[in-house]
Structures are given as structure tokens and as C-alpha cells.
Amino acid sequence: MRMQSLLKYLIEYFNAEVYTGKDKNYMFAKVDRSSYVAVADFLFKKGFKRLLTVSAIDWVLRNVFEIYFIVYNHAMNVYIKVSTEIPRDNPEILSLSSIWENALMHEREVWELFGIKFIGNTMLEPLFLEDWKGPPPFRKDFNWREYVAKEFGLKYAPVPKIVYSKSEKK
């Protein structure tokens, strides 16, 4: 399948918003949550055998997480980033591990750091934060200064957060 056919199929069958990068070997597709796994399965069957990552972006002001994966097709020399959005208040989505086995570890990391549940992932257990007692630390509303003060006590006066404007710089 050629790149143009792939783009057309994603738009027509999955109602995807599709963009290509400056380099035509990079493509971005935004899909509905309900078709996220179906798009992944379609891409796998079209030769995108290499899953590079699964990750998340916390859009706290919009109250959503953007979940995405990046895959590569060696024969076409094409990278595709596929993303969808899920609500922050009930962050869960189907796992990609039935398509790419290495999704288990990527999703495990996202689960631990953002608190997003991947339904069907059998490895959702602490990876880095074994004795962690706080909320997921990669959420934008996580206050690390407050957490450190509570868990470890303040040994030094807190450093004030200073924001400079352009007019103040010399």
C-alpha cells in the first residue's frame, strides 16, 4: 500500500484527521477513541510491525489525556503517530498488547506515571516507583514541591518560583 492510499484509507474508513510532516516519511493521524485499536491493527497488517512507543500528554486545561503510539514500516520507510483523547477523570483505553507485545512495557510506564489504565494489559504494576505513595507524578497538576515537603520534610527554605518577563531581561 502506498502512502497516498494509506492516507485515504485512514480518512475514509476511520474518519481520521491526517497530516504529513515536512519530511513525507512522517505522518500524523488523530482518531476517535473507539477506533484507536482498530487503526493499530490495520497498520500492523499493512506492515507497521515496529511499535516505537506508547505515551501520553496531559492537557489539564482541557481535562483530557492525549494517548498516542508511533509505529514504523521498514519497507515503506514511514513513521506514523496515531493519537486519540480520553477524559482525565476516567483515564482508560484498550491495550495495544494484543497487536504488539512490546506495548505491555510502554503502557506499564504510562500507567505508572500518568495513572492511565490500559484494559487488557496484564503487566500494570510498579516499574520505577515501587514504594510510591503519591498521585501519578507526570500529571500536570502534581505538585512535586508539596509532595517532597510532605514525604521527606523541608531541609531548606523553598526556592521561590520566579517568572521573568522579556522587559526585565538585559
N, C-alpha and C. Protein backbone atom coordinates (compact mmCIF):
# COMPACT_ATOMS: atom_id res chain seq x y z
N MET A 1 0.85 -1.18 0.00
CA MET A 1 0.00 0.00 0.00
C MET A 1 0.89 1.24 0.00
N ARG A 2 0.62 2.15 -0.89
CA ARG A 2 1.39 3.38 -0.98
C ARG A 2 0.90 4.40 0.04
N MET A 3 1.72 5.41 0.27
CA MET A 3 1.42 6.42 1.28
C MET A 3 0.07 7.11 1.02
N GLN A 4 -0.18 7.51 -0.22
CA GLN A 4 -1.45 8.20 -0.52
C GLN A 4 -2.65 7.30 -0.29
N SER A 5 -2.53 6.03 -0.64
CA SER A 5 -3.62 5.08 -0.40
C SER A 5 -3.86 4.90 1.09
N LEU A 6 -2.77 4.86 1.84
CA LEU A 6 -2.86 4.71 3.29
C LEU A 6 -3.58 5.91 3.91
N LEU A 7 -3.20 7.11 3.49
CA LEU A 7 -3.85 8.33 3.98
C LEU A 7 -5.34 8.31 3.67
N LYS A 8 -5.66 7.98 2.44
CA LYS A 8 -7.06 7.95 2.00
C LYS A 8 -7.87 6.94 2.82
N TYR A 9 -7.30 5.77 3.06
CA TYR A 9 -7.99 4.73 3.81
C TYR A 9 -8.25 5.18 5.25
N LEU A 10 -7.25 5.77 5.88
CA LEU A 10 -7.41 6.24 7.26
C LEU A 10 -8.51 7.30 7.36
N ILE A 11 -8.58 8.17 6.37
CA ILE A 11 -9.60 9.21 6.37
C ILE A 11 -10.99 8.62 6.12
N GLU A 12 -11.10 7.78 5.10
CA GLU A 12 -12.41 7.25 4.70
C GLU A 12 -12.98 6.22 5.68
N TYR A 13 -12.16 5.30 6.16
CA TYR A 13 -12.67 4.21 6.98
C TYR A 13 -12.60 4.45 8.49
N PHE A 14 -11.70 5.33 8.90
CA PHE A 14 -11.56 5.59 10.34
C PHE A 14 -11.86 7.04 10.70
N ASN A 15 -12.26 7.84 9.72
CA ASN A 15 -12.59 9.24 9.95
C ASN A 15 -11.45 9.98 10.65
N ALA A 16 -10.23 9.65 10.27
CA ALA A 16 -9.04 10.22 10.90
C ALA A 16 -8.74 11.60 10.35
N GLU A 17 -8.20 12.46 11.22
CA GLU A 17 -7.61 13.72 10.77
C GLU A 17 -6.15 13.37 10.48
N VAL A 18 -5.71 13.57 9.26
CA VAL A 18 -4.38 13.11 8.87
C VAL A 18 -3.53 14.29 8.40
N TYR A 19 -2.27 14.30 8.85
CA TYR A 19 -1.32 15.33 8.46
C TYR A 19 -0.01 14.65 8.09
N THR A 20 0.70 15.25 7.16
CA THR A 20 2.04 14.76 6.85
C THR A 20 3.03 15.82 7.30
N GLY A 21 4.21 15.38 7.67
CA GLY A 21 5.24 16.31 8.09
C GLY A 21 5.95 16.92 6.90
N LYS A 22 6.90 17.80 7.18
CA LYS A 22 7.71 18.38 6.10
C LYS A 22 8.43 17.28 5.35
N ASP A 23 8.92 16.31 6.11
CA ASP A 23 9.50 15.11 5.52
C ASP A 23 8.34 14.16 5.26
N LYS A 24 8.15 13.76 4.04
CA LYS A 24 6.99 12.94 3.68
C LYS A 24 7.01 11.54 4.29
N ASN A 25 8.06 11.22 5.00
CA ASN A 25 8.14 9.91 5.66
C ASN A 25 7.48 9.92 7.04
N TYR A 26 6.93 11.06 7.43
CA TYR A 26 6.28 11.18 8.73
C TYR A 26 4.82 11.55 8.53
N MET A 27 3.95 10.83 9.24
CA MET A 27 2.52 11.07 9.12
C MET A 27 1.91 11.08 10.52
N PHE A 28 0.89 11.89 10.70
CA PHE A 28 0.19 12.02 11.98
C PHE A 28 -1.29 11.78 11.75
N ALA A 29 -1.90 10.97 12.58
CA ALA A 29 -3.33 10.70 12.45
C ALA A 29 -3.99 10.83 13.82
N LYS A 30 -5.05 11.62 13.86
CA LYS A 30 -5.83 11.74 15.09
C LYS A 30 -7.13 11.00 14.85
N VAL A 31 -7.45 10.05 15.74
CA VAL A 31 -8.62 9.20 15.56
C VAL A 31 -9.51 9.24 16.80
N ASP A 32 -10.73 8.80 16.63
CA ASP A 32 -11.66 8.68 17.74
C ASP A 32 -11.21 7.54 18.65
N ARG A 33 -11.49 7.69 19.91
CA ARG A 33 -11.12 6.67 20.90
C ARG A 33 -11.64 5.28 20.52
N SER A 34 -12.82 5.23 19.94
CA SER A 34 -13.44 3.94 19.60
C SER A 34 -12.71 3.21 18.47
N SER A 35 -11.93 3.92 17.67
CA SER A 35 -11.22 3.27 16.56
C SER A 35 -9.71 3.17 16.77
N TYR A 36 -9.23 3.58 17.93
CA TYR A 36 -7.80 3.59 18.24
C TYR A 36 -7.14 2.22 18.01
N VAL A 37 -7.71 1.16 18.57
CA VAL A 37 -7.13 -0.18 18.44
C VAL A 37 -7.34 -0.73 17.03
N ALA A 38 -8.47 -0.42 16.42
CA ALA A 38 -8.72 -0.87 15.04
C ALA A 38 -7.71 -0.26 14.07
N VAL A 39 -7.37 1.00 14.28
CA VAL A 39 -6.35 1.65 13.44
C VAL A 39 -4.99 0.98 13.67
N ALA A 40 -4.67 0.69 14.91
CA ALA A 40 -3.41 0.00 15.22
C ALA A 40 -3.35 -1.35 14.52
N ASP A 41 -4.43 -2.10 14.59
CA ASP A 41 -4.49 -3.42 13.95
C ASP A 41 -4.35 -3.30 12.43
N PHE A 42 -5.02 -2.32 11.84
CA PHE A 42 -4.93 -2.07 10.40
C PHE A 42 -3.48 -1.77 10.00
N LEU A 43 -2.83 -0.89 10.75
CA LEU A 43 -1.44 -0.52 10.43
C LEU A 43 -0.50 -1.71 10.57
N PHE A 44 -0.69 -2.52 11.59
CA PHE A 44 0.13 -3.72 11.77
C PHE A 44 0.00 -4.63 10.55
N LYS A 45 -1.23 -4.84 10.09
CA LYS A 45 -1.47 -5.70 8.93
C LYS A 45 -0.92 -5.11 7.64
N LYS A 46 -0.71 -3.79 7.62
CA LYS A 46 -0.15 -3.13 6.44
C LYS A 46 1.37 -2.97 6.53
N GLY A 47 2.00 -3.68 7.47
CA GLY A 47 3.46 -3.71 7.51
C GLY A 47 4.10 -2.85 8.59
N PHE A 48 3.32 -2.20 9.42
CA PHE A 48 3.88 -1.39 10.50
C PHE A 48 4.12 -2.31 11.70
N LYS A 49 5.17 -3.11 11.58
CA LYS A 49 5.45 -4.16 12.56
C LYS A 49 6.22 -3.64 13.78
N ARG A 50 6.80 -2.47 13.68
CA ARG A 50 7.64 -1.97 14.77
C ARG A 50 6.94 -0.87 15.55
N LEU A 51 6.56 -1.19 16.77
CA LEU A 51 5.99 -0.19 17.68
C LEU A 51 7.15 0.48 18.40
N LEU A 52 7.27 1.79 18.22
CA LEU A 52 8.38 2.52 18.83
C LEU A 52 8.06 3.02 20.23
N THR A 53 6.82 3.48 20.44
CA THR A 53 6.45 3.98 21.76
C THR A 53 4.94 4.09 21.90
N VAL A 54 4.50 4.09 23.14
CA VAL A 54 3.15 4.46 23.52
C VAL A 54 3.35 5.48 24.63
N SER A 55 2.69 6.62 24.54
CA SER A 55 2.88 7.63 25.57
C SER A 55 1.62 8.47 25.72
N ALA A 56 1.73 9.50 26.55
CA ALA A 56 0.58 10.36 26.83
C ALA A 56 1.02 11.80 27.01
N ILE A 57 0.09 12.70 26.77
CA ILE A 57 0.27 14.13 27.04
C ILE A 57 -0.92 14.55 27.89
N ASP A 58 -0.65 15.24 28.98
CA ASP A 58 -1.70 15.70 29.88
C ASP A 58 -2.13 17.11 29.49
N TRP A 59 -3.32 17.23 28.93
CA TRP A 59 -3.89 18.52 28.58
C TRP A 59 -4.84 18.91 29.71
N VAL A 60 -4.26 19.33 30.83
CA VAL A 60 -5.02 19.55 32.06
C VAL A 60 -6.11 20.61 31.90
N LEU A 61 -5.87 21.66 31.14
CA LEU A 61 -6.87 22.71 30.97
C LEU A 61 -8.07 22.24 30.15
N ARG A 62 -7.87 21.24 29.29
CA ARG A 62 -8.97 20.67 28.50
C ARG A 62 -9.55 19.44 29.18
N ASN A 63 -8.96 19.02 30.30
CA ASN A 63 -9.39 17.86 31.08
C ASN A 63 -9.35 16.56 30.28
N VAL A 64 -8.31 16.40 29.45
CA VAL A 64 -8.13 15.18 28.67
C VAL A 64 -6.65 14.77 28.67
N PHE A 65 -6.45 13.49 28.40
CA PHE A 65 -5.12 12.97 28.08
C PHE A 65 -5.13 12.67 26.59
N GLU A 66 -4.04 13.00 25.93
CA GLU A 66 -3.83 12.54 24.55
C GLU A 66 -2.96 11.29 24.66
N ILE A 67 -3.48 10.18 24.20
CA ILE A 67 -2.74 8.92 24.17
C ILE A 67 -2.26 8.73 22.74
N TYR A 68 -1.01 8.33 22.57
CA TYR A 68 -0.53 8.12 21.20
C TYR A 68 0.46 6.97 21.14
N PHE A 69 0.58 6.44 19.92
CA PHE A 69 1.62 5.46 19.64
C PHE A 69 2.30 5.86 18.35
N ILE A 70 3.57 5.46 18.22
CA ILE A 70 4.33 5.71 17.00
C ILE A 70 4.81 4.37 16.47
N VAL A 71 4.56 4.12 15.18
CA VAL A 71 4.95 2.87 14.54
C VAL A 71 5.78 3.16 13.29
N TYR A 72 6.49 2.13 12.84
CA TYR A 72 7.38 2.27 11.69
C TYR A 72 7.19 1.10 10.74
N ASN A 73 7.17 1.43 9.44
CA ASN A 73 7.12 0.43 8.38
C ASN A 73 8.45 0.50 7.64
N HIS A 74 9.27 -0.54 7.80
CA HIS A 74 10.60 -0.54 7.20
C HIS A 74 10.54 -0.53 5.67
N ALA A 75 9.66 -1.31 5.08
CA ALA A 75 9.58 -1.40 3.61
C ALA A 75 9.21 -0.05 2.98
N MET A 76 8.32 0.69 3.63
CA MET A 76 7.89 1.99 3.12
C MET A 76 8.77 3.13 3.63
N ASN A 77 9.56 2.85 4.69
CA ASN A 77 10.33 3.87 5.39
C ASN A 77 9.42 5.01 5.85
N VAL A 78 8.35 4.64 6.56
CA VAL A 78 7.35 5.60 7.02
C VAL A 78 7.10 5.43 8.51
N TYR A 79 7.04 6.56 9.20
CA TYR A 79 6.67 6.61 10.61
C TYR A 79 5.27 7.20 10.71
N ILE A 80 4.44 6.64 11.58
CA ILE A 80 3.11 7.19 11.80
C ILE A 80 2.87 7.34 13.30
N LYS A 81 2.42 8.53 13.68
CA LYS A 81 1.97 8.77 15.05
C LYS A 81 0.45 8.80 15.02
N VAL A 82 -0.17 7.94 15.83
CA VAL A 82 -1.63 7.88 15.92
C VAL A 82 -2.02 8.30 17.33
N SER A 83 -2.93 9.27 17.43
CA SER A 83 -3.34 9.74 18.75
C SER A 83 -4.85 9.78 18.90
N THR A 84 -5.28 9.76 20.14
CA THR A 84 -6.68 9.91 20.50
C THR A 84 -6.74 10.59 21.86
N GLU A 85 -7.92 10.99 22.27
CA GLU A 85 -8.08 11.65 23.56
C GLU A 85 -9.02 10.85 24.45
N ILE A 86 -8.69 10.86 25.76
CA ILE A 86 -9.54 10.21 26.76
C ILE A 86 -9.72 11.19 27.91
N PRO A 87 -10.81 11.08 28.66
CA PRO A 87 -11.04 12.02 29.77
C PRO A 87 -10.08 11.77 30.93
N ARG A 88 -9.68 12.85 31.61
CA ARG A 88 -8.77 12.73 32.76
C ARG A 88 -9.45 12.08 33.95
N ASP A 89 -10.77 12.26 34.08
CA ASP A 89 -11.45 11.76 35.27
C ASP A 89 -11.68 10.25 35.25
N ASN A 90 -11.62 9.62 34.10
CA ASN A 90 -11.71 8.16 34.00
C ASN A 90 -10.75 7.71 32.90
N PRO A 91 -9.45 7.82 33.16
CA PRO A 91 -8.48 7.57 32.09
C PRO A 91 -8.22 6.09 31.84
N GLU A 92 -8.92 5.55 30.86
CA GLU A 92 -8.68 4.16 30.46
C GLU A 92 -8.93 4.00 28.98
N ILE A 93 -8.21 3.04 28.41
CA ILE A 93 -8.31 2.76 26.98
C ILE A 93 -7.86 1.31 26.78
N LEU A 94 -8.28 0.71 25.69
CA LEU A 94 -7.87 -0.67 25.39
C LEU A 94 -6.37 -0.73 25.11
N SER A 95 -5.76 -1.81 25.55
CA SER A 95 -4.33 -2.03 25.35
C SER A 95 -4.03 -2.41 23.90
N LEU A 96 -2.83 -2.05 23.46
CA LEU A 96 -2.35 -2.44 22.14
C LEU A 96 -1.53 -3.73 22.20
N SER A 97 -1.45 -4.34 23.38
CA SER A 97 -0.57 -5.50 23.58
C SER A 97 -1.01 -6.74 22.80
N SER A 98 -2.26 -6.80 22.36
CA SER A 98 -2.69 -7.94 21.54
C SER A 98 -2.16 -7.81 20.11
N ILE A 99 -1.67 -6.62 19.76
CA ILE A 99 -1.13 -6.36 18.42
C ILE A 99 0.41 -6.37 18.46
N TRP A 100 0.97 -5.58 19.37
CA TRP A 100 2.42 -5.52 19.56
C TRP A 100 2.71 -5.91 21.00
N GLU A 101 3.46 -6.97 21.20
CA GLU A 101 3.74 -7.44 22.56
C GLU A 101 4.51 -6.40 23.38
N ASN A 102 5.39 -5.64 22.72
CA ASN A 102 6.18 -4.66 23.46
C ASN A 102 5.34 -3.49 23.97
N ALA A 103 4.08 -3.40 23.58
CA ALA A 103 3.19 -2.37 24.13
C ALA A 103 3.00 -2.56 25.63
N LEU A 104 3.15 -3.80 26.10
CA LEU A 104 2.99 -4.08 27.54
C LEU A 104 3.86 -3.16 28.39
N MET A 105 5.13 -3.03 28.05
CA MET A 105 6.05 -2.21 28.85
C MET A 105 5.80 -0.72 28.67
N HIS A 106 5.54 -0.30 27.44
CA HIS A 106 5.25 1.12 27.21
C HIS A 106 4.01 1.55 27.99
N GLU A 107 2.97 0.74 27.92
CA GLU A 107 1.72 1.06 28.62
C GLU A 107 1.90 0.99 30.13
N ARG A 108 2.73 0.09 30.58
CA ARG A 108 3.01 -0.02 32.02
C ARG A 108 3.62 1.28 32.54
N GLU A 109 4.54 1.83 31.78
CA GLU A 109 5.18 3.08 32.17
C GLU A 109 4.17 4.23 32.19
N VAL A 110 3.32 4.31 31.17
CA VAL A 110 2.30 5.36 31.10
C VAL A 110 1.30 5.20 32.26
N TRP A 111 0.92 3.97 32.56
CA TRP A 111 0.02 3.71 33.69
C TRP A 111 0.62 4.23 34.99
N GLU A 112 1.89 3.91 35.20
CA GLU A 112 2.55 4.29 36.44
C GLU A 112 2.74 5.80 36.57
N LEU A 113 3.12 6.45 35.51
CA LEU A 113 3.47 7.87 35.58
C LEU A 113 2.29 8.82 35.38
N PHE A 114 1.25 8.37 34.65
CA PHE A 114 0.08 9.21 34.40
C PHE A 114 -1.20 8.68 35.05
N GLY A 115 -1.21 7.42 35.46
CA GLY A 115 -2.42 6.85 36.05
C GLY A 115 -3.46 6.44 35.04
N ILE A 116 -3.05 6.14 33.81
CA ILE A 116 -3.97 5.74 32.75
C ILE A 116 -4.03 4.22 32.70
N LYS A 117 -5.23 3.67 32.78
CA LYS A 117 -5.41 2.21 32.77
C LYS A 117 -5.53 1.72 31.33
N PHE A 118 -4.77 0.68 31.01
CA PHE A 118 -4.83 0.05 29.70
C PHE A 118 -5.53 -1.30 29.87
N ILE A 119 -6.77 -1.35 29.43
CA ILE A 119 -7.60 -2.54 29.60
C ILE A 119 -7.03 -3.68 28.76
N GLY A 120 -6.73 -4.80 29.42
CA GLY A 120 -6.15 -5.95 28.74
C GLY A 120 -4.65 -6.09 28.96
N ASN A 121 -4.02 -5.06 29.50
CA ASN A 121 -2.59 -5.14 29.79
C ASN A 121 -2.41 -5.88 31.12
N THR A 122 -1.69 -6.98 31.08
CA THR A 122 -1.51 -7.83 32.27
C THR A 122 -0.29 -7.46 33.11
N MET A 123 0.40 -6.39 32.73
CA MET A 123 1.64 -6.00 33.45
C MET A 123 1.51 -4.68 34.21
N LEU A 124 0.31 -4.24 34.52
CA LEU A 124 0.16 -2.94 35.18
C LEU A 124 0.51 -3.06 36.66
N GLU A 125 1.79 -2.93 36.92
CA GLU A 125 2.32 -2.95 38.29
C GLU A 125 3.51 -2.02 38.31
N PRO A 126 3.91 -1.53 39.49
CA PRO A 126 5.00 -0.57 39.55
C PRO A 126 6.27 -1.04 38.83
N LEU A 127 6.85 -0.11 38.10
CA LEU A 127 8.08 -0.37 37.35
C LEU A 127 9.23 0.43 37.96
N PHE A 128 9.01 1.73 38.12
CA PHE A 128 10.03 2.62 38.66
C PHE A 128 9.71 3.06 40.09
N LEU A 129 8.44 3.22 40.39
CA LEU A 129 8.01 3.83 41.65
C LEU A 129 7.49 2.78 42.63
N GLU A 130 8.33 1.84 43.00
CA GLU A 130 7.90 0.70 43.83
C GLU A 130 7.28 1.10 45.16
N ASP A 131 7.83 2.08 45.84
CA ASP A 131 7.31 2.49 47.15
C ASP A 131 6.58 3.83 47.08
N TRP A 132 6.07 4.16 45.93
CA TRP A 132 5.42 5.46 45.71
C TRP A 132 4.08 5.53 46.44
N LYS A 133 3.86 6.65 47.15
CA LYS A 133 2.62 6.83 47.89
C LYS A 133 1.80 8.00 47.36
N GLY A 134 2.30 8.69 46.37
CA GLY A 134 1.61 9.88 45.89
C GLY A 134 0.80 9.64 44.63
N PRO A 135 0.23 10.71 44.10
CA PRO A 135 -0.51 10.61 42.84
C PRO A 135 0.47 10.43 41.68
N PRO A 136 -0.04 10.07 40.49
CA PRO A 136 0.86 9.89 39.34
C PRO A 136 1.69 11.16 39.09
N PRO A 137 3.02 11.04 39.10
CA PRO A 137 3.87 12.23 39.08
C PRO A 137 3.99 12.97 37.75
N PHE A 138 3.54 12.40 36.64
CA PHE A 138 3.64 13.11 35.36
C PHE A 138 2.38 13.90 35.02
N ARG A 139 1.39 13.85 35.89
CA ARG A 139 0.21 14.68 35.67
C ARG A 139 0.59 16.13 35.95
N LYS A 140 0.08 17.02 35.13
CA LYS A 140 0.48 18.42 35.27
C LYS A 140 0.01 19.06 36.57
N ASP A 141 -1.03 18.50 37.19
CA ASP A 141 -1.49 19.07 38.46
C ASP A 141 -0.76 18.48 39.67
N PHE A 142 0.24 17.64 39.43
CA PHE A 142 1.04 17.08 40.52
C PHE A 142 2.00 18.16 41.02
N ASN A 143 1.95 18.46 42.31
CA ASN A 143 2.81 19.47 42.91
C ASN A 143 3.99 18.76 43.58
N TRP A 144 5.09 18.67 42.87
CA TRP A 144 6.23 17.92 43.39
C TRP A 144 6.86 18.57 44.61
N ARG A 145 6.83 19.91 44.69
CA ARG A 145 7.39 20.59 45.86
C ARG A 145 6.61 20.21 47.12
N GLU A 146 5.30 20.22 47.00
CA GLU A 146 4.43 19.85 48.12
C GLU A 146 4.65 18.39 48.51
N TYR A 147 4.77 17.52 47.51
CA TYR A 147 4.98 16.10 47.77
C TYR A 147 6.30 15.86 48.51
N VAL A 148 7.36 16.48 48.05
CA VAL A 148 8.68 16.31 48.67
C VAL A 148 8.65 16.83 50.11
N ALA A 149 8.03 17.99 50.32
CA ALA A 149 7.95 18.55 51.67
C ALA A 149 7.18 17.61 52.60
N LYS A 150 6.09 17.03 52.12
CA LYS A 150 5.27 16.14 52.93
C LYS A 150 5.99 14.81 53.22
N GLU A 151 6.59 14.22 52.20
CA GLU A 151 7.21 12.90 52.35
C GLU A 151 8.58 12.93 53.03
N PHE A 152 9.34 13.98 52.77
CA PHE A 152 10.73 14.00 53.24
C PHE A 152 11.04 15.15 54.18
N GLY A 153 10.10 16.06 54.34
CA GLY A 153 10.32 17.22 55.20
C GLY A 153 11.17 18.26 54.49
N LEU A 154 11.01 19.51 54.93
CA LEU A 154 11.79 20.59 54.33
C LEU A 154 13.11 20.73 55.08
N LYS A 155 14.20 20.55 54.39
CA LYS A 155 15.52 20.73 55.00
C LYS A 155 16.05 22.13 54.72
N TYR A 156 15.55 22.73 53.66
CA TYR A 156 15.98 24.06 53.25
C TYR A 156 14.74 24.90 52.97
N ALA A 157 14.91 26.19 53.04
CA ALA A 157 13.80 27.07 52.68
C ALA A 157 13.47 26.85 51.21
N PRO A 158 12.19 26.79 50.87
CA PRO A 158 11.84 26.56 49.46
C PRO A 158 12.33 27.69 48.57
N VAL A 159 12.79 27.32 47.39
CA VAL A 159 13.24 28.30 46.41
C VAL A 159 12.00 28.91 45.76
N PRO A 160 11.90 30.23 45.78
CA PRO A 160 10.70 30.84 45.19
C PRO A 160 10.68 30.63 43.68
N LYS A 161 9.48 30.46 43.17
CA LYS A 161 9.30 30.30 41.73
C LYS A 161 9.25 31.70 41.13
N ILE A 162 10.20 32.01 40.28
CA ILE A 162 10.29 33.35 39.69
C ILE A 162 10.06 33.24 38.19
N VAL A 163 9.20 34.10 37.70
CA VAL A 163 8.94 34.15 36.26
C VAL A 163 9.38 35.52 35.78
N TYR A 164 10.26 35.54 34.79
CA TYR A 164 10.77 36.79 34.25
C TYR A 164 10.03 37.14 32.98
N SER A 165 9.83 38.42 32.79
CA SER A 165 9.24 38.87 31.52
C SER A 165 10.37 39.35 30.63
N LYS A 166 10.09 39.54 29.34
CA LYS A 166 11.12 39.98 28.40
C LYS A 166 11.69 41.34 28.80
N SER A 167 10.85 42.22 29.31
CA SER A 167 11.29 43.57 29.64
C SER A 167 12.28 43.59 30.80
N GLU A 168 12.28 42.56 31.65
CA GLU A 168 13.19 42.50 32.79
C GLU A 168 14.57 41.99 32.42
N LYS A 169 14.70 41.30 31.31
CA LYS A 169 15.99 40.75 30.91
C LYS A 169 16.85 41.83 30.28
N LYS A 170 18.15 41.73 30.50
CA LYS A 170 19.07 42.71 29.92
C LYS A 170 19.84 42.11 28.79
